[in-house]
Amino acid sequence: MFNIGDVIIYSIHGLCQIDNICEKTFSDGTRTYYDLHPVGQSNLTISIPVDNDKVVMLKLLNREEAEEILQSFRLPGTSWIEDLRLRNKKYRITVKTGNRTEIALVINTLMRKKLELSMQNMKLPDQDLTLLNTIQTLLFTEIAHALDCSIEEIIKKVNNMVSENSTSPDDTYAAVSNTILKV
């Protein structure tokens, strides 16, 4: 269980701070709830049952975990699945687990495919792009928080790591900066 004042990862909202833990009664009974708000959006309050197992609520990465995940972008990502429907299903299931190491592999794969396609004047399918932008923002924000730096610094580091494995190093950083990470 989390405590009042804790900053956690909550589902698609990312970094959230717990403002209160209280009992609430609705037609289905009384339950304990977290009242929380996304960091940087204090005007939005989210109320979620403490025992809810349908959404992801995670303790933040520590510095060591964040560094390890960040360094994983030097390596290839997960396997690319040619069938868009199957790929989207598998990647979304991975994201729902909340396993940041596995999520980083998905981000890495989508980034590399996006770069590869952009060098061929092609685009990543919209479903992939939407997933990439969403999970990239959430994970990179959490890594930046854990490493006490800006998301821009994380983007720059990841761009550099992804470009290290590219076939044309002179053009890659510009291509990566312009096409992969627009957060």
C-alpha atoms as a PDB file:
ATOM      1  CA  MET A   1       0.000   0.000   0.000  1.00  0.00           C
ATOM      2  CA  PHE A   2       1.164   3.500  -0.793  1.00  0.00           C
ATOM      3  CA  ASN A   3       1.152   6.484   1.566  1.00  0.00           C
ATOM      4  CA  ILE A   4      -0.108  10.053   1.334  1.00  0.00           C
ATOM      5  CA  GLY A   5       2.527  12.137  -0.462  1.00  0.00           C
ATOM      6  CA  ASP A   6       3.977   9.201  -2.424  1.00  0.00           C
ATOM      7  CA  VAL A   7       4.605   9.739  -6.121  1.00  0.00           C
ATOM      8  CA  ILE A   8       3.679   6.639  -8.099  1.00  0.00           C
ATOM      9  CA  ILE A   9       3.039   5.540 -11.658  1.00  0.00           C
ATOM     10  CA  TYR A  10      -0.674   5.284 -12.308  1.00  0.00           C
ATOM     11  CA  SER A  11      -1.881   3.759 -15.568  1.00  0.00           C
ATOM     12  CA  ILE A  12      -1.871   6.145 -18.534  1.00  0.00           C
ATOM     13  CA  HIS A  13      -1.547   9.222 -16.322  1.00  0.00           C
ATOM     14  CA  GLY A  14       2.073   8.448 -15.465  1.00  0.00           C
ATOM     15  CA  LEU A  15       3.539  10.216 -12.449  1.00  0.00           C
ATOM     16  CA  CYS A  16       0.846  10.882  -9.858  1.00  0.00           C
ATOM     17  CA  GLN A  17       0.980  12.057  -6.276  1.00  0.00           C
ATOM     18  CA  ILE A  18      -1.270  10.528  -3.637  1.00  0.00           C
ATOM     19  CA  ASP A  19      -3.137  13.312  -1.865  1.00  0.00           C
ATOM     20  CA  ASN A  20      -5.381  11.287   0.413  1.00  0.00           C
ATOM     21  CA  ILE A  21      -6.350   7.763   1.436  1.00  0.00           C
ATOM     22  CA  CYS A  22      -9.934   7.531   2.628  1.00  0.00           C
ATOM     23  CA  GLU A  23     -13.036   5.399   2.929  1.00  0.00           C
ATOM     24  CA  LYS A  24     -15.805   6.004   0.399  1.00  0.00           C
ATOM     25  CA  THR A  25     -19.229   4.456   0.307  1.00  0.00           C
ATOM     26  CA  PHE A  26     -21.088   3.769  -2.907  1.00  0.00           C
ATOM     27  CA  SER A  27     -23.954   1.442  -3.796  1.00  0.00           C
ATOM     28  CA  ASP A  28     -21.624  -1.565  -3.813  1.00  0.00           C
ATOM     29  CA  GLY A  29     -20.282  -0.876  -0.322  1.00  0.00           C
ATOM     30  CA  THR A  30     -17.469   0.912   1.468  1.00  0.00           C
ATOM     31  CA  ARG A  31     -13.914   0.673   0.173  1.00  0.00           C
ATOM     32  CA  THR A  32     -10.605   2.396   0.747  1.00  0.00           C
ATOM     33  CA  TYR A  33      -9.581   4.788  -2.047  1.00  0.00           C
ATOM     34  CA  TYR A  34      -6.500   6.663  -3.127  1.00  0.00           C
ATOM     35  CA  ASP A  35      -7.167  10.253  -4.154  1.00  0.00           C
ATOM     36  CA  LEU A  36      -4.336  11.305  -6.425  1.00  0.00           C
ATOM     37  CA  HIS A  37      -3.442  13.809  -9.119  1.00  0.00           C
ATOM     38  CA  PRO A  38      -1.046  13.691 -12.065  1.00  0.00           C
ATOM     39  CA  VAL A  39       2.166  15.569 -11.265  1.00  0.00           C
ATOM     40  CA  GLY A  40       1.876  18.946 -12.960  1.00  0.00           C
ATOM     41  CA  GLN A  41      -1.935  18.773 -13.105  1.00  0.00           C
ATOM     42  CA  SER A  42      -3.141  19.535  -9.608  1.00  0.00           C
ATOM     43  CA  ASN A  43      -6.590  20.473 -10.956  1.00  0.00           C
ATOM     44  CA  LEU A  44      -7.301  16.829 -11.938  1.00  0.00           C
ATOM     45  CA  THR A  45      -8.222  14.478  -9.090  1.00  0.00           C
ATOM     46  CA  ILE A  46      -8.414  10.729  -9.609  1.00  0.00           C
ATOM     47  CA  SER A  47     -10.075   8.449  -7.091  1.00  0.00           C
ATOM     48  CA  ILE A  48      -9.160   4.772  -7.354  1.00  0.00           C
ATOM     49  CA  PRO A  49      -9.841   1.852  -5.011  1.00  0.00           C
ATOM     50  CA  VAL A  50      -6.712   0.715  -3.178  1.00  0.00           C
ATOM     51  CA  ASP A  51      -7.492  -2.899  -4.070  1.00  0.00           C
ATOM     52  CA  ASN A  52      -8.159  -2.252  -7.780  1.00  0.00           C
ATOM     53  CA  ASP A  53      -6.303  -4.844  -9.844  1.00  0.00           C
ATOM     54  CA  LYS A  54      -7.504  -3.626 -13.235  1.00  0.00           C
ATOM     55  CA  VAL A  55      -5.103  -0.669 -13.456  1.00  0.00           C
ATOM     56  CA  VAL A  56      -1.380  -0.399 -12.984  1.00  0.00           C
ATOM     57  CA  MET A  57      -0.162   1.428  -9.881  1.00  0.00           C
ATOM     58  CA  LEU A  58       3.578   1.099  -9.392  1.00  0.00           C
ATOM     59  CA  LYS A  59       6.305   2.363  -7.125  1.00  0.00           C
ATOM     60  CA  LEU A  60       8.675   4.683  -9.009  1.00  0.00           C
ATOM     61  CA  LEU A  61      11.912   3.410 -10.453  1.00  0.00           C
ATOM     62  CA  ASN A  62      14.970   4.073  -8.335  1.00  0.00           C
ATOM     63  CA  ARG A  63      18.107   5.602  -9.836  1.00  0.00           C
ATOM     64  CA  GLU A  64      19.801   2.254 -10.505  1.00  0.00           C
ATOM     65  CA  GLU A  65      16.729   0.770 -12.214  1.00  0.00           C
ATOM     66  CA  ALA A  66      16.310   3.903 -14.337  1.00  0.00           C
ATOM     67  CA  GLU A  67      19.967   3.797 -15.447  1.00  0.00           C
ATOM     68  CA  GLU A  68      19.648   0.118 -16.352  1.00  0.00           C
ATOM     69  CA  ILE A  69      16.538   0.734 -18.443  1.00  0.00           C
ATOM     70  CA  LEU A  70      18.136   3.748 -20.087  1.00  0.00           C
ATOM     71  CA  GLN A  71      21.188   1.696 -21.073  1.00  0.00           C
ATOM     72  CA  SER A  72      18.934  -0.958 -22.636  1.00  0.00           C
ATOM     73  CA  PHE A  73      18.427   1.414 -25.581  1.00  0.00           C
ATOM     74  CA  ARG A  74      21.969   0.560 -26.706  1.00  0.00           C
ATOM     75  CA  LEU A  75      20.735  -2.954 -27.540  1.00  0.00           C
ATOM     76  CA  PRO A  76      18.146  -4.188 -30.034  1.00  0.00           C
ATOM     77  CA  GLY A  77      14.565  -4.156 -28.809  1.00  0.00           C
ATOM     78  CA  THR A  78      12.043  -6.961 -28.868  1.00  0.00           C
ATOM     79  CA  SER A  79      11.115  -8.927 -31.966  1.00  0.00           C
ATOM     80  CA  TRP A  80       9.260  -7.120 -34.746  1.00  0.00           C
ATOM     81  CA  ILE A  81       5.957  -8.738 -35.674  1.00  0.00           C
ATOM     82  CA  GLU A  82       4.992  -8.104 -39.285  1.00  0.00           C
ATOM     83  CA  ASP A  83       1.236  -8.498 -38.749  1.00  0.00           C
ATOM     84  CA  LEU A  84       0.044  -5.096 -37.481  1.00  0.00           C
ATOM     85  CA  ARG A  85      -2.920  -6.507 -35.568  1.00  0.00           C
ATOM     86  CA  LEU A  86      -0.868  -9.170 -33.793  1.00  0.00           C
ATOM     87  CA  ARG A  87       1.978  -6.740 -33.128  1.00  0.00           C
ATOM     88  CA  ASN A  88      -0.350  -4.169 -31.614  1.00  0.00           C
ATOM     89  CA  LYS A  89      -2.032  -6.799 -29.443  1.00  0.00           C
ATOM     90  CA  LYS A  90       1.268  -8.239 -28.161  1.00  0.00           C
ATOM     91  CA  TYR A  91       2.838  -4.836 -27.500  1.00  0.00           C
ATOM     92  CA  ARG A  92      -0.252  -3.562 -25.664  1.00  0.00           C
ATOM     93  CA  ILE A  93      -0.328  -6.680 -23.476  1.00  0.00           C
ATOM     94  CA  THR A  94       3.332  -6.021 -22.644  1.00  0.00           C
ATOM     95  CA  VAL A  95       2.568  -2.411 -21.734  1.00  0.00           C
ATOM     96  CA  LYS A  96      -0.324  -3.427 -19.469  1.00  0.00           C
ATOM     97  CA  THR A  97       2.030  -5.555 -17.351  1.00  0.00           C
ATOM     98  CA  GLY A  98       3.790  -2.399 -16.174  1.00  0.00           C
ATOM     99  CA  ASN A  99       7.193  -4.088 -16.554  1.00  0.00           C
ATOM    100  CA  ARG A 100       9.346  -1.099 -17.500  1.00  0.00           C
ATOM    101  CA  THR A 101      12.181  -3.266 -18.874  1.00  0.00           C
ATOM    102  CA  GLU A 102       9.777  -4.965 -21.285  1.00  0.00           C
ATOM    103  CA  ILE A 103       8.114  -1.642 -22.124  1.00  0.00           C
ATOM    104  CA  ALA A 104      11.540  -0.186 -22.942  1.00  0.00           C
ATOM    105  CA  LEU A 105      12.108  -3.076 -25.363  1.00  0.00           C
ATOM    106  CA  VAL A 106       8.840  -2.245 -27.130  1.00  0.00           C
ATOM    107  CA  ILE A 107       9.753   1.460 -27.283  1.00  0.00           C
ATOM    108  CA  ASN A 108      13.204   0.581 -28.571  1.00  0.00           C
ATOM    109  CA  THR A 109      11.782  -1.637 -31.323  1.00  0.00           C
ATOM    110  CA  LEU A 110       9.212   0.937 -32.405  1.00  0.00           C
ATOM    111  CA  MET A 111      11.824   3.710 -32.413  1.00  0.00           C
ATOM    112  CA  ARG A 112      14.223   1.693 -34.527  1.00  0.00           C
ATOM    113  CA  LYS A 113      11.476   0.680 -36.964  1.00  0.00           C
ATOM    114  CA  LYS A 114      10.334   4.290 -37.202  1.00  0.00           C
ATOM    115  CA  LEU A 115      13.874   5.391 -37.991  1.00  0.00           C
ATOM    116  CA  GLU A 116      14.327   2.602 -40.530  1.00  0.00           C
ATOM    117  CA  LEU A 117      11.088   3.519 -42.267  1.00  0.00           C
ATOM    118  CA  SER A 118      11.832   7.251 -42.220  1.00  0.00           C
ATOM    119  CA  MET A 119      15.126   6.599 -44.003  1.00  0.00           C
ATOM    120  CA  GLN A 120      13.051   4.908 -46.719  1.00  0.00           C
ATOM    121  CA  ASN A 121      10.626   7.862 -46.812  1.00  0.00           C
ATOM    122  CA  MET A 122       7.961   5.692 -45.208  1.00  0.00           C
ATOM    123  CA  LYS A 123       6.018   6.094 -41.990  1.00  0.00           C
ATOM    124  CA  LEU A 124       5.301   3.942 -38.988  1.00  0.00           C
ATOM    125  CA  PRO A 125       1.622   2.853 -38.958  1.00  0.00           C
ATOM    126  CA  ASP A 126      -0.624   5.138 -36.892  1.00  0.00           C
ATOM    127  CA  GLN A 127      -1.385   2.434 -34.283  1.00  0.00           C
ATOM    128  CA  ASP A 128       2.323   1.920 -33.666  1.00  0.00           C
ATOM    129  CA  LEU A 129       2.995   5.645 -33.596  1.00  0.00           C
ATOM    130  CA  THR A 130       0.229   6.298 -31.074  1.00  0.00           C
ATOM    131  CA  LEU A 131       1.459   3.516 -28.812  1.00  0.00           C
ATOM    132  CA  LEU A 132       5.067   4.689 -29.147  1.00  0.00           C
ATOM    133  CA  ASN A 133       4.261   8.305 -28.284  1.00  0.00           C
ATOM    134  CA  THR A 134       2.173   7.338 -25.258  1.00  0.00           C
ATOM    135  CA  ILE A 135       4.540   4.864 -23.642  1.00  0.00           C
ATOM    136  CA  GLN A 136       7.614   6.873 -24.559  1.00  0.00           C
ATOM    137  CA  THR A 137       6.292   9.922 -22.749  1.00  0.00           C
ATOM    138  CA  LEU A 138       5.339   7.921 -19.657  1.00  0.00           C
ATOM    139  CA  LEU A 139       8.584   5.947 -19.383  1.00  0.00           C
ATOM    140  CA  PHE A 140      10.925   8.805 -20.257  1.00  0.00           C
ATOM    141  CA  THR A 141       9.196  11.081 -17.752  1.00  0.00           C
ATOM    142  CA  GLU A 142       9.635   8.458 -15.041  1.00  0.00           C
ATOM    143  CA  ILE A 143      13.296   7.906 -15.949  1.00  0.00           C
ATOM    144  CA  ALA A 144      13.921  11.659 -15.912  1.00  0.00           C
ATOM    145  CA  HIS A 145      12.288  11.898 -12.479  1.00  0.00           C
ATOM    146  CA  ALA A 146      14.399   9.006 -11.117  1.00  0.00           C
ATOM    147  CA  LEU A 147      17.610  10.489 -12.520  1.00  0.00           C
ATOM    148  CA  ASP A 148      16.706  14.033 -11.451  1.00  0.00           C
ATOM    149  CA  CYS A 149      17.051  15.469 -14.947  1.00  0.00           C
ATOM    150  CA  SER A 150      14.781  16.754 -17.703  1.00  0.00           C
ATOM    151  CA  ILE A 151      12.887  14.641 -20.178  1.00  0.00           C
ATOM    152  CA  GLU A 152      14.821  16.492 -22.906  1.00  0.00           C
ATOM    153  CA  GLU A 153      18.064  15.084 -21.491  1.00  0.00           C
ATOM    154  CA  ILE A 154      16.621  11.565 -21.593  1.00  0.00           C
ATOM    155  CA  ILE A 155      15.436  12.073 -25.169  1.00  0.00           C
ATOM    156  CA  LYS A 156      18.906  13.239 -26.194  1.00  0.00           C
ATOM    157  CA  LYS A 157      20.572  10.238 -24.517  1.00  0.00           C
ATOM    158  CA  VAL A 158      18.170   7.782 -26.106  1.00  0.00           C
ATOM    159  CA  ASN A 159      18.583   9.446 -29.516  1.00  0.00           C
ATOM    160  CA  ASN A 160      22.338   9.006 -29.204  1.00  0.00           C
ATOM    161  CA  MET A 161      22.032   5.361 -28.180  1.00  0.00           C
ATOM    162  CA  VAL A 162      19.638   4.511 -30.983  1.00  0.00           C
ATOM    163  CA  SER A 163      21.798   6.311 -33.539  1.00  0.00           C
ATOM    164  CA  GLU A 164      24.914   4.358 -32.465  1.00  0.00           C
ATOM    165  CA  ASN A 165      23.596   1.261 -34.243  1.00  0.00           C
ATOM    166  CA  SER A 166      22.574   3.029 -37.419  1.00  0.00           C
ATOM    167  CA  THR A 167      24.190   2.420 -40.797  1.00  0.00           C
ATOM    168  CA  SER A 168      24.756   6.078 -41.645  1.00  0.00           C
ATOM    169  CA  PRO A 169      26.039   7.822 -38.501  1.00  0.00           C
ATOM    170  CA  ASP A 170      26.381  11.266 -40.106  1.00  0.00           C
ATOM    171  CA  ASP A 171      22.694  11.537 -40.931  1.00  0.00           C
ATOM    172  CA  THR A 172      21.228   9.435 -38.170  1.00  0.00           C
ATOM    173  CA  TYR A 173      21.227  11.835 -35.238  1.00  0.00           C
ATOM    174  CA  ALA A 174      19.358  14.463 -37.248  1.00  0.00           C
ATOM    175  CA  ALA A 175      16.921  11.835 -38.502  1.00  0.00           C
ATOM    176  CA  VAL A 176      16.365  10.473 -35.011  1.00  0.00           C
ATOM    177  CA  SER A 177      15.935  13.923 -33.515  1.00  0.00           C
ATOM    178  CA  ASN A 178      13.422  14.911 -36.157  1.00  0.00           C
ATOM    179  CA  THR A 179      11.424  11.730 -36.484  1.00  0.00           C
ATOM    180  CA  ILE A 180      11.637   9.468 -33.485  1.00  0.00           C
ATOM    181  CA  LEU A 181      11.270  11.380 -30.271  1.00  0.00           C
ATOM    182  CA  LYS A 182       8.757  14.149 -30.410  1.00  0.00           C
ATOM    183  CA  VAL A 183       7.649  14.390 -26.811  1.00  0.00           C
END
